[in-house]
Amino acid sequence: MERFRRAVGELPIPLRHAVIGAVVLGVPGAIVGLVIGLWTYVPTAWAAIFEVGLPAAFLGALLGLVIGSLVYVYHHVRDN
């Protein structure tokens, strides 16, 4: 876990926020997909993990990238 934290900490601010956003929304999205898949049709529950988790991770990455870019611009403007 420490290696992951160090690797993410070395990324540029927008990319760091994108990775964090993808994980924060992707993992719960995958869990929700699994629950929905188990509720509807058990043999294909594994596919629901990807059907819900991947769009959630993409949305999290996109939101994280936007927020990280705003943080980067704020710090850049504030320092000058």
C-alpha atoms as a PDB file:
ATOM      1  CA  MET A   1       0.000   0.000   0.000  1.00  0.00           C
ATOM      2  CA  GLU A   2       2.867   2.337   0.741  1.00  0.00           C
ATOM      3  CA  ARG A   3       4.297   1.781  -2.749  1.00  0.00           C
ATOM      4  CA  PHE A   4       0.940   2.713  -4.289  1.00  0.00           C
ATOM      5  CA  ARG A   5       0.720   5.857  -2.177  1.00  0.00           C
ATOM      6  CA  ARG A   6       4.250   6.863  -3.115  1.00  0.00           C
ATOM      7  CA  ALA A   7       3.611   6.176  -6.823  1.00  0.00           C
ATOM      8  CA  VAL A   8       0.401   8.228  -6.827  1.00  0.00           C
ATOM      9  CA  GLY A   9       2.101  11.011  -4.853  1.00  0.00           C
ATOM     10  CA  GLU A  10       4.747  11.373  -7.556  1.00  0.00           C
ATOM     11  CA  LEU A  11       2.179  11.951 -10.309  1.00  0.00           C
ATOM     12  CA  PRO A  12       1.297  15.452 -11.528  1.00  0.00           C
ATOM     13  CA  ILE A  13      -1.651  16.972  -9.654  1.00  0.00           C
ATOM     14  CA  PRO A  14      -4.333  16.511 -12.380  1.00  0.00           C
ATOM     15  CA  LEU A  15      -3.345  12.905 -13.016  1.00  0.00           C
ATOM     16  CA  ARG A  16      -3.153  12.177  -9.285  1.00  0.00           C
ATOM     17  CA  HIS A  17      -6.702  13.422  -8.809  1.00  0.00           C
ATOM     18  CA  ALA A  18      -7.862  11.407 -11.828  1.00  0.00           C
ATOM     19  CA  VAL A  19      -6.437   8.186 -10.366  1.00  0.00           C
ATOM     20  CA  ILE A  20      -7.974   8.883  -6.969  1.00  0.00           C
ATOM     21  CA  GLY A  21     -11.341   9.709  -8.563  1.00  0.00           C
ATOM     22  CA  ALA A  22     -11.295   6.534 -10.633  1.00  0.00           C
ATOM     23  CA  VAL A  23     -10.620   4.403  -7.565  1.00  0.00           C
ATOM     24  CA  VAL A  24     -13.096   6.241  -5.328  1.00  0.00           C
ATOM     25  CA  LEU A  25     -15.968   5.869  -7.800  1.00  0.00           C
ATOM     26  CA  GLY A  26     -14.862   2.687  -9.567  1.00  0.00           C
ATOM     27  CA  VAL A  27     -14.680   0.394  -6.548  1.00  0.00           C
ATOM     28  CA  PRO A  28     -18.154   1.233  -5.205  1.00  0.00           C
ATOM     29  CA  GLY A  29     -19.471   1.050  -8.780  1.00  0.00           C
ATOM     30  CA  ALA A  30     -18.080  -2.456  -9.128  1.00  0.00           C
ATOM     31  CA  ILE A  31     -19.629  -3.474  -5.812  1.00  0.00           C
ATOM     32  CA  VAL A  32     -23.002  -2.071  -6.851  1.00  0.00           C
ATOM     33  CA  GLY A  33     -22.677  -3.892 -10.178  1.00  0.00           C
ATOM     34  CA  LEU A  34     -21.995  -7.142  -8.366  1.00  0.00           C
ATOM     35  CA  VAL A  35     -25.013  -6.705  -6.110  1.00  0.00           C
ATOM     36  CA  ILE A  36     -27.256  -5.871  -9.060  1.00  0.00           C
ATOM     37  CA  GLY A  37     -25.859  -8.792 -11.027  1.00  0.00           C
ATOM     38  CA  LEU A  38     -26.409 -11.223  -8.169  1.00  0.00           C
ATOM     39  CA  TRP A  39     -29.939  -9.918  -7.726  1.00  0.00           C
ATOM     40  CA  THR A  40     -30.922 -10.236 -11.389  1.00  0.00           C
ATOM     41  CA  TYR A  41     -29.065 -13.244 -12.840  1.00  0.00           C
ATOM     42  CA  VAL A  42     -26.276 -14.990 -10.925  1.00  0.00           C
ATOM     43  CA  PRO A  43     -24.410 -16.645 -13.847  1.00  0.00           C
ATOM     44  CA  THR A  44     -23.673 -13.258 -15.448  1.00  0.00           C
ATOM     45  CA  ALA A  45     -23.077 -11.276 -12.257  1.00  0.00           C
ATOM     46  CA  TRP A  46     -19.381 -10.954 -13.111  1.00  0.00           C
ATOM     47  CA  ALA A  47     -20.255  -8.959 -16.229  1.00  0.00           C
ATOM     48  CA  ALA A  48     -22.343  -6.498 -14.231  1.00  0.00           C
ATOM     49  CA  ILE A  49     -19.208  -5.611 -12.266  1.00  0.00           C
ATOM     50  CA  PHE A  50     -17.693  -4.234 -15.457  1.00  0.00           C
ATOM     51  CA  GLU A  51     -20.945  -2.810 -16.825  1.00  0.00           C
ATOM     52  CA  VAL A  52     -21.362  -0.572 -13.785  1.00  0.00           C
ATOM     53  CA  GLY A  53     -17.804  -0.329 -12.439  1.00  0.00           C
ATOM     54  CA  LEU A  54     -16.035   0.819 -15.597  1.00  0.00           C
ATOM     55  CA  PRO A  55     -18.371   3.737 -16.375  1.00  0.00           C
ATOM     56  CA  ALA A  56     -18.194   4.766 -12.713  1.00  0.00           C
ATOM     57  CA  ALA A  57     -14.392   4.640 -12.809  1.00  0.00           C
ATOM     58  CA  PHE A  58     -14.339   6.634 -16.055  1.00  0.00           C
ATOM     59  CA  LEU A  59     -16.641   9.258 -14.554  1.00  0.00           C
ATOM     60  CA  GLY A  60     -14.471   9.409 -11.428  1.00  0.00           C
ATOM     61  CA  ALA A  61     -11.338   9.848 -13.521  1.00  0.00           C
ATOM     62  CA  LEU A  62     -12.954  12.591 -15.559  1.00  0.00           C
ATOM     63  CA  LEU A  63     -14.180  14.462 -12.492  1.00  0.00           C
ATOM     64  CA  GLY A  64     -10.824  13.974 -10.798  1.00  0.00           C
ATOM     65  CA  LEU A  65      -9.019  15.323 -13.833  1.00  0.00           C
ATOM     66  CA  VAL A  66     -11.208  18.429 -13.889  1.00  0.00           C
ATOM     67  CA  ILE A  67     -10.800  19.024 -10.158  1.00  0.00           C
ATOM     68  CA  GLY A  68      -7.064  18.325 -10.313  1.00  0.00           C
ATOM     69  CA  SER A  69      -6.691  20.773 -13.191  1.00  0.00           C
ATOM     70  CA  LEU A  70      -8.521  23.433 -11.213  1.00  0.00           C
ATOM     71  CA  VAL A  71      -6.270  22.802  -8.208  1.00  0.00           C
ATOM     72  CA  TYR A  72      -3.201  23.019 -10.436  1.00  0.00           C
ATOM     73  CA  VAL A  73      -4.333  26.308 -11.981  1.00  0.00           C
ATOM     74  CA  TYR A  74      -5.187  27.713  -8.546  1.00  0.00           C
ATOM     75  CA  HIS A  75      -1.727  26.868  -7.196  1.00  0.00           C
ATOM     76  CA  HIS A  76      -0.030  28.158 -10.336  1.00  0.00           C
ATOM     77  CA  VAL A  77      -1.901  31.489 -10.260  1.00  0.00           C
ATOM     78  CA  ARG A  78      -1.459  31.880  -6.519  1.00  0.00           C
ATOM     79  CA  ASP A  79       2.316  31.326  -6.674  1.00  0.00           C
ATOM     80  CA  ASN A  80       2.798  33.994  -9.380  1.00  0.00           C
END
